[in-house]
C-alpha atoms as a PDB file:
ATOM      1  CA  UNK A   1      48.646  48.237-168.763  1.00  0.00           C
ATOM      2  CA  UNK A   2      45.430  48.540-166.723  1.00  0.00           C
ATOM      3  CA  UNK A   3      45.622  44.863-165.554  1.00  0.00           C
ATOM      4  CA  UNK A   4      49.306  45.551-164.348  1.00  0.00           C
ATOM      5  CA  UNK A   5      48.178  48.496-162.344  1.00  0.00           C
ATOM      6  CA  UNK A   6      45.458  46.527-160.668  1.00  0.00           C
ATOM      7  CA  UNK A   7      47.905  43.739-159.898  1.00  0.00           C
ATOM      8  CA  UNK A   8      50.391  46.309-158.507  1.00  0.00           C
ATOM      9  CA  UNK A   9      47.708  47.869-156.192  1.00  0.00           C
ATOM     10  CA  UNK A  10      46.744  44.327-154.968  1.00  0.00           C
ATOM     11  CA  UNK A  11      50.364  43.485-154.366  1.00  0.00           C
ATOM     12  CA  UNK A  12      50.935  46.626-152.426  1.00  0.00           C
ATOM     13  CA  UNK A  13      47.727  45.854-150.358  1.00  0.00           C
ATOM     14  CA  UNK A  14      48.786  42.342-149.495  1.00  0.00           C
ATOM     15  CA  UNK A  15      52.363  43.454-148.693  1.00  0.00           C
ATOM     16  CA  UNK A  16      50.940  46.042-146.246  1.00  0.00           C
ATOM     17  CA  UNK A  17      48.664  43.353-144.754  1.00  0.00           C
ATOM     18  CA  UNK A  18      51.673  41.061-144.241  1.00  0.00           C
ATOM     19  CA  UNK A  19      53.673  43.809-142.516  1.00  0.00           C
ATOM     20  CA  UNK A  20      50.799  44.713-140.283  1.00  0.00           C
ATOM     21  CA  UNK A  21      50.204  41.123-139.283  1.00  0.00           C
ATOM     22  CA  UNK A  22      53.857  40.626-138.460  1.00  0.00           C
ATOM     23  CA  UNK A  23      53.905  43.721-136.372  1.00  0.00           C
ATOM     24  CA  UNK A  24      50.872  42.608-134.364  1.00  0.00           C
ATOM     25  CA  UNK A  25      52.446  39.212-133.911  1.00  0.00           C
ATOM     26  CA  UNK A  26      55.670  40.735-132.496  1.00  0.00           C
ATOM     27  CA  UNK A  27      53.683  43.120-130.250  1.00  0.00           C
ATOM     28  CA  UNK A  28      51.625  40.251-128.888  1.00  0.00           C
ATOM     29  CA  UNK A  29      54.702  38.023-128.379  1.00  0.00           C
ATOM     30  CA  UNK A  30      56.401  40.870-126.533  1.00  0.00           C
ATOM     31  CA  UNK A  31      53.331  41.327-124.316  1.00  0.00           C
ATOM     32  CA  UNK A  32      53.264  37.478-123.632  1.00  0.00           C
ATOM     33  CA  UNK A  33      56.969  37.521-122.660  1.00  0.00           C
ATOM     34  CA  UNK A  34      56.271  40.318-120.196  1.00  0.00           C
ATOM     35  CA  UNK A  35      53.262  38.544-118.710  1.00  0.00           C
ATOM     36  CA  UNK A  36      55.275  35.357-118.414  1.00  0.00           C
ATOM     37  CA  UNK A  37      58.028  37.134-116.492  1.00  0.00           C
ATOM     38  CA  UNK A  38      55.443  38.754-114.225  1.00  0.00           C
ATOM     39  CA  UNK A  39      53.834  35.337-113.586  1.00  0.00           C
ATOM     40  CA  UNK A  40      57.170  33.886-112.543  1.00  0.00           C
ATOM     41  CA  UNK A  41      57.871  36.808-110.279  1.00  0.00           C
ATOM     42  CA  UNK A  42      54.457  36.482-108.592  1.00  0.00           C
ATOM     43  CA  UNK A  43      55.039  32.701-108.106  1.00  0.00           C
ATOM     44  CA  UNK A  44      58.409  33.417-106.494  1.00  0.00           C
ATOM     45  CA  UNK A  45      56.703  35.983-104.247  1.00  0.00           C
ATOM     46  CA  UNK A  46      54.061  33.544-103.357  1.00  0.00           C
ATOM     47  CA  UNK A  47      56.598  30.828-102.338  1.00  0.00           C
ATOM     48  CA  UNK A  48      58.424  33.384-100.202  1.00  0.00           C
ATOM     49  CA  UNK A  49      55.208  34.444 -98.440  1.00  0.00           C
ATOM     50  CA  UNK A  50      54.267  30.813 -97.864  1.00  0.00           C
ATOM     51  CA  UNK A  51      57.668  30.149 -96.278  1.00  0.00           C
ATOM     52  CA  UNK A  52      57.347  33.241 -94.162  1.00  0.00           C
ATOM     53  CA  UNK A  53      53.859  32.313 -93.068  1.00  0.00           C
ATOM     54  CA  UNK A  54      55.045  28.812 -92.078  1.00  0.00           C
ATOM     55  CA  UNK A  55      57.913  30.290 -90.113  1.00  0.00           C
ATOM     56  CA  UNK A  56      55.697  32.675 -88.234  1.00  0.00           C
ATOM     57  CA  UNK A  57      53.129  30.179 -87.290  1.00  0.00           C
ATOM     58  CA  UNK A  58      55.598  27.589 -86.106  1.00  0.00           C
ATOM     59  CA  UNK A  59      55.371  26.187 -82.600  1.00  0.00           C
ATOM     60  CA  UNK A  60      58.603  27.761 -81.487  1.00  0.00           C
ATOM     61  CA  UNK A  61      57.521  31.211 -82.483  1.00  0.00           C
ATOM     62  CA  UNK A  62      54.173  30.779 -80.701  1.00  0.00           C
ATOM     63  CA  UNK A  63      55.861  29.576 -77.528  1.00  0.00           C
ATOM     64  CA  UNK A  64      58.294  32.557 -77.714  1.00  0.00           C
ATOM     65  CA  UNK A  65      55.499  35.126 -78.061  1.00  0.00           C
ATOM     66  CA  UNK A  66      53.398  33.370 -75.402  1.00  0.00           C
ATOM     67  CA  UNK A  67      56.321  33.370 -72.912  1.00  0.00           C
ATOM     68  CA  UNK A  68      57.752  36.814 -73.593  1.00  0.00           C
ATOM     69  CA  UNK A  69      54.754  38.980 -74.352  1.00  0.00           C
ATOM     70  CA  UNK A  70      51.933  37.173 -72.489  1.00  0.00           C
ATOM     71  CA  UNK A  71      54.008  35.685 -69.595  1.00  0.00           C
ATOM     72  CA  UNK A  72      52.589  32.239 -70.240  1.00  0.00           C
ATOM     73  CA  UNK A  73      54.330  29.016 -69.267  1.00  0.00           C
ATOM     74  CA  UNK A  74      53.757  25.308 -69.355  1.00  0.00           C
ATOM     75  CA  UNK A  75      52.330  24.306 -65.936  1.00  0.00           C
ATOM     76  CA  UNK A  76      54.029  21.799 -63.845  1.00  0.00           C
ATOM     77  CA  UNK A  77      51.993  18.646 -62.743  1.00  0.00           C
ATOM     78  CA  UNK A  78      51.168  20.250 -59.333  1.00  0.00           C
ATOM     79  CA  UNK A  79      49.401  23.161 -60.920  1.00  0.00           C
ATOM     80  CA  UNK A  80      47.141  21.031 -63.138  1.00  0.00           C
ATOM     81  CA  UNK A  81      43.615  20.407 -61.924  1.00  0.00           C
ATOM     82  CA  UNK A  82      41.249  18.102 -63.692  1.00  0.00           C
ATOM     83  CA  UNK A  83      37.623  19.396 -63.633  1.00  0.00           C
ATOM     84  CA  UNK A  84      34.824  16.949 -64.281  1.00  0.00           C
END
């Protein structure tokens, strides 16, 4: 009788350990899934920012800003002077 009680207590202990382990596994898997989604979102945002940066640093945009805001223009050959 005493041995059965000891086995029963050990069985309960191990059952609780298995349940606790499974719970921790599911929590960690859930966190991993959230972090994976966050990583994908950040990669998408990085790609969008790189495209935006490339668009804003393009030659046509620079020429547009130089012409409209700074009143710059491409000089004609008569206006070019070579200095030695």
